[in-house]
Amino acid sequence: MEENKLVTFLQQSVKILQYFLPLDSLSFFPILYASLIWAFDRQFNFQAKVLELEVWLEPDILKSKSNEFILDFFNSNERLKAAYAKELAENNMMSLRLDFEVLYPVIGLQDPFLEKLFSRELEQGNYRGLVNDFDFRLNQALSEIMVAGSQPQFWNELGKIGQEFLSLGWDLLNKADVRAEIKKTLEQLKK
């Protein structure tokens, strides 16, 4: 698919979404990006996908992960490994585990909403900033989406955006390329 078609499509999508969310809201670009990735994965119940995000506010799900799993998570990502070199060298599992509970959904599971919500921190390798801001920013973004979602057409319009995206042929490319192209184009539109 041509890049120009993607730009035009995303510009139209931004106009539609602005009926429900202010362009400068914390959740605007994360929900747009996530809805396109979820559509790519053929997961069209966007409301359920957003509600799943609330699960990450309850870290009990991640508390059962073994120390080995957590160490592997940090050691298998060079940027994380460098950022947490001191904790890894000292085998400070208490500190690593606390940050893991926040970083794993974003980096390990590559949740598209969280990935876009914290894109600046991810690009800068500011993992500690991401951890510090996680609860506040996620709660604020989810609150914005719940307000928008109370409007009858919000979820329908997101679904239409996802379907339209697939009709443009993006589902024929690999997911990594699609994610990268959407991120790049959305960043251009934000300027």
Protein backbone atom coordinates (compact mmCIF):
# COMPACT_ATOMS: atom_id res chain seq x y z
CA MET A 1 0.00 0.00 0.00
CA GLU A 2 1.23 3.46 -0.78
CA GLU A 3 2.37 5.70 2.04
CA ASN A 4 0.17 8.51 0.68
CA LYS A 5 -2.91 6.34 1.09
CA LEU A 6 -1.96 5.64 4.68
CA VAL A 7 -1.47 9.35 5.41
CA THR A 8 -4.85 10.19 3.86
CA PHE A 9 -6.54 7.35 5.71
CA LEU A 10 -5.03 8.37 9.05
CA GLN A 11 -5.94 12.03 8.49
CA GLN A 12 -9.55 10.99 7.92
CA SER A 13 -9.42 8.72 10.97
CA VAL A 14 -8.11 11.58 13.10
CA LYS A 15 -11.02 13.78 11.98
CA ILE A 16 -13.52 11.07 12.91
CA LEU A 17 -11.94 10.38 16.28
CA GLN A 18 -11.89 14.10 17.11
CA TYR A 19 -15.68 13.94 17.47
CA PHE A 20 -15.12 11.81 20.56
CA LEU A 21 -11.72 12.80 21.98
CA PRO A 22 -9.72 16.02 21.89
CA LEU A 23 -6.68 15.71 19.64
CA ASP A 24 -4.38 16.64 22.51
CA SER A 25 -5.87 14.10 24.93
CA LEU A 26 -3.51 11.54 26.37
CA SER A 27 -5.45 8.64 24.85
CA PHE A 28 -6.07 9.97 21.32
CA PHE A 29 -3.13 8.49 19.42
CA PRO A 30 -2.78 5.37 21.60
CA ILE A 31 -6.39 4.31 20.94
CA LEU A 32 -6.08 5.05 17.23
CA TYR A 33 -2.81 3.12 16.94
CA ALA A 34 -4.10 0.24 19.07
CA SER A 35 -7.34 -0.07 17.10
CA LEU A 36 -5.36 -0.46 13.86
CA ILE A 37 -3.07 -3.10 15.36
CA TRP A 38 -6.02 -4.94 16.90
CA ALA A 39 -7.77 -4.85 13.51
CA PHE A 40 -4.61 -6.21 11.90
CA ASP A 41 -4.81 -9.09 14.41
CA ARG A 42 -8.52 -9.50 13.60
CA GLN A 43 -9.54 -8.57 17.14
CA PHE A 44 -12.45 -6.21 16.57
CA ASN A 45 -13.96 -6.06 20.04
CA PHE A 46 -12.03 -2.90 20.84
CA GLN A 47 -14.04 -2.18 23.96
CA ALA A 48 -13.05 -5.55 25.43
CA LYS A 49 -9.42 -4.94 24.45
CA VAL A 50 -9.43 -1.64 26.33
CA LEU A 51 -11.01 -3.28 29.36
CA GLU A 52 -8.23 -5.88 29.28
CA LEU A 53 -5.78 -3.03 29.88
CA GLU A 54 -7.23 -2.58 33.34
CA VAL A 55 -5.91 -6.03 34.18
CA TRP A 56 -2.40 -4.57 34.11
CA LEU A 57 -3.34 -2.24 36.92
CA GLU A 58 -3.59 -5.36 39.09
CA PRO A 59 -0.04 -6.70 39.21
CA ASP A 60 -1.09 -9.94 40.95
CA ILE A 61 -1.18 -11.53 37.50
CA LEU A 62 2.54 -10.88 37.10
CA LYS A 63 3.58 -11.62 40.69
CA SER A 64 3.62 -15.34 39.99
CA LYS A 65 6.38 -15.05 37.38
CA SER A 66 9.58 -16.76 38.45
CA ASN A 67 12.81 -14.92 39.14
CA GLU A 68 14.30 -16.69 36.12
CA PHE A 69 11.54 -15.37 33.88
CA ILE A 70 12.08 -11.84 35.16
CA LEU A 71 15.85 -12.04 34.77
CA ASP A 72 15.44 -13.38 31.24
CA PHE A 73 13.08 -10.49 30.42
CA PHE A 74 15.67 -7.89 31.44
CA ASN A 75 18.68 -9.74 30.03
CA SER A 76 17.13 -10.50 26.64
CA ASN A 77 16.58 -6.82 25.81
CA GLU A 78 19.88 -4.95 25.44
CA ARG A 79 18.40 -1.57 26.32
CA LEU A 80 16.70 -2.93 29.44
CA LYS A 81 19.84 -4.82 30.35
CA ALA A 82 21.87 -1.61 30.19
CA ALA A 83 19.27 0.46 32.05
CA TYR A 84 19.05 -2.09 34.86
CA ALA A 85 22.70 -3.17 34.91
CA LYS A 86 23.14 -2.30 38.58
CA GLU A 87 20.05 -4.22 39.71
CA LEU A 88 21.01 -7.19 37.54
CA ALA A 89 24.59 -7.21 38.85
CA GLU A 90 23.35 -7.07 42.44
CA ASN A 91 20.55 -9.58 41.72
CA ASN A 92 18.12 -7.07 43.26
CA MET A 93 14.98 -9.07 42.57
CA MET A 94 12.74 -6.81 44.65
CA SER A 95 13.49 -3.80 42.45
CA LEU A 96 13.52 -5.81 39.22
CA ARG A 97 10.21 -7.46 40.04
CA LEU A 98 8.48 -4.14 40.77
CA ASP A 99 9.60 -2.62 37.47
CA PHE A 100 8.92 -5.87 35.60
CA GLU A 101 5.26 -5.66 36.59
CA VAL A 102 4.99 -2.41 34.65
CA LEU A 103 7.45 -3.01 31.83
CA TYR A 104 6.34 -6.51 30.83
CA PRO A 105 2.90 -5.54 29.44
CA VAL A 106 4.47 -2.68 27.48
CA ILE A 107 7.67 -4.31 26.21
CA GLY A 108 7.19 -8.05 26.70
CA LEU A 109 3.61 -8.31 25.50
CA GLN A 110 3.93 -5.32 23.18
CA ASP A 111 0.45 -4.12 23.97
CA PRO A 112 -0.18 -1.54 21.22
CA PHE A 113 -2.13 0.86 23.41
CA LEU A 114 0.52 0.89 26.13
CA GLU A 115 3.29 0.97 23.55
CA LYS A 116 1.89 4.16 22.03
CA LEU A 117 0.96 5.69 25.38
CA PHE A 118 4.59 5.39 26.49
CA SER A 119 6.25 5.78 23.09
CA ARG A 120 8.40 8.73 24.15
CA GLU A 121 9.84 6.85 27.12
CA LEU A 122 10.43 3.76 25.01
CA GLU A 123 12.24 5.73 22.31
CA GLN A 124 14.41 7.46 24.90
CA GLY A 125 15.04 4.30 26.92
CA ASN A 126 13.54 6.07 29.93
CA TYR A 127 12.19 2.91 31.54
CA ARG A 128 12.23 4.30 35.06
CA GLY A 129 10.17 7.27 33.92
CA LEU A 130 7.73 4.87 32.30
CA VAL A 131 7.48 2.91 35.55
CA ASN A 132 6.98 6.08 37.61
CA ASP A 133 4.26 7.47 35.32
CA PHE A 134 2.54 4.19 34.46
CA ASP A 135 -0.39 4.11 36.89
CA PHE A 136 -1.24 7.79 36.63
CA ARG A 137 -1.01 8.01 32.86
CA LEU A 138 -2.80 4.73 32.18
CA ASN A 139 -5.63 5.62 34.57
CA GLN A 140 -6.00 9.04 32.96
CA ALA A 141 -6.02 7.59 29.44
CA LEU A 142 -8.53 4.88 30.37
CA SER A 143 -10.73 7.49 32.01
CA GLU A 144 -10.72 9.55 28.80
CA ILE A 145 -11.61 6.48 26.76
CA MET A 146 -14.43 5.50 29.09
CA VAL A 147 -15.93 8.99 28.71
CA ALA A 148 -15.59 8.78 24.92
CA GLY A 149 -16.89 5.20 25.00
CA SER A 150 -20.07 6.33 26.71
CA GLN A 151 -21.01 8.03 23.45
CA PRO A 152 -23.00 5.54 21.37
CA GLN A 153 -20.96 5.71 18.17
CA PHE A 154 -17.41 5.73 19.58
CA TRP A 155 -16.79 1.97 19.48
CA ASN A 156 -18.63 1.62 16.15
CA GLU A 157 -16.47 4.30 14.56
CA LEU A 158 -13.28 2.67 15.87
CA GLY A 159 -14.48 -0.60 14.37
CA LYS A 160 -15.13 1.08 11.02
CA ILE A 161 -11.65 2.61 11.10
CA GLY A 162 -10.19 -0.84 11.71
CA GLN A 163 -12.20 -2.43 8.89
CA GLU A 164 -11.27 0.36 6.49
CA PHE A 165 -7.62 -0.07 7.42
CA LEU A 166 -7.75 -3.75 6.48
CA SER A 167 -9.53 -2.97 3.21
CA LEU A 168 -6.46 -0.95 2.18
CA GLY A 169 -4.37 -4.12 2.05
CA TRP A 170 -2.17 -3.62 5.10
CA ASP A 171 -2.97 -7.09 6.37
CA LEU A 172 -0.80 -8.47 3.57
CA LEU A 173 2.38 -7.11 5.19
CA ASN A 174 4.15 -8.43 8.26
CA LYS A 175 3.13 -7.05 11.62
CA ALA A 176 6.47 -5.43 12.47
CA ASP A 177 6.43 -3.43 9.22
CA VAL A 178 2.82 -2.37 9.77
CA ARG A 179 3.51 -1.26 13.34
CA ALA A 180 6.57 0.73 12.26
CA GLU A 181 4.79 2.44 9.36
CA ILE A 182 1.75 3.40 11.43
CA LYS A 183 3.94 4.75 14.24
CA LYS A 184 5.99 6.81 11.80
CA THR A 185 2.94 8.22 10.05
CA LEU A 186 1.13 9.04 13.30
CA GLU A 187 4.19 10.90 14.55
CA GLN A 188 4.15 12.97 11.35
CA LEU A 189 0.47 13.78 11.87
CA LYS A 190 1.04 14.88 15.48
CA LYS A 191 3.43 17.64 14.35
